[in-house]
């Protein structure tokens, strides 16, 4: 059985735009969101407790920092982010960065921890 929990794109306090493709209590093992980071924008340093993530880069290029290690990512790359690890992404190009964020278990906002003011 499949269900659609797709939302319209909305701005998230992390500093990016989110379109939830699948995030449901009926399927707690995983969520999928399309994420868009505007040109010259950087997300806030944050972690997600009890949830691991995979970023699948669909368009653009950016510098991703995971656990204080930086690397350049581009279309087709996959970034693995363990649960609870500090992370951020910087889009230094003049076009949108677009990627899928696959979370396991599903993303829940109460697990999001902003580390900018910590």
Foldseek 3Di string as FASTA:
>chain_A
DDDFPWDPWDDDQQQWIWTWGDFDPVQQFKTKIKIKHAAQTKGFWKFFAPKKKKKAWQAAKKWKAWQNDIDIDGHGDIDTHDHPIIIMIGHHDNGMTIIMIMMGRYDDVVRIGGPRVD
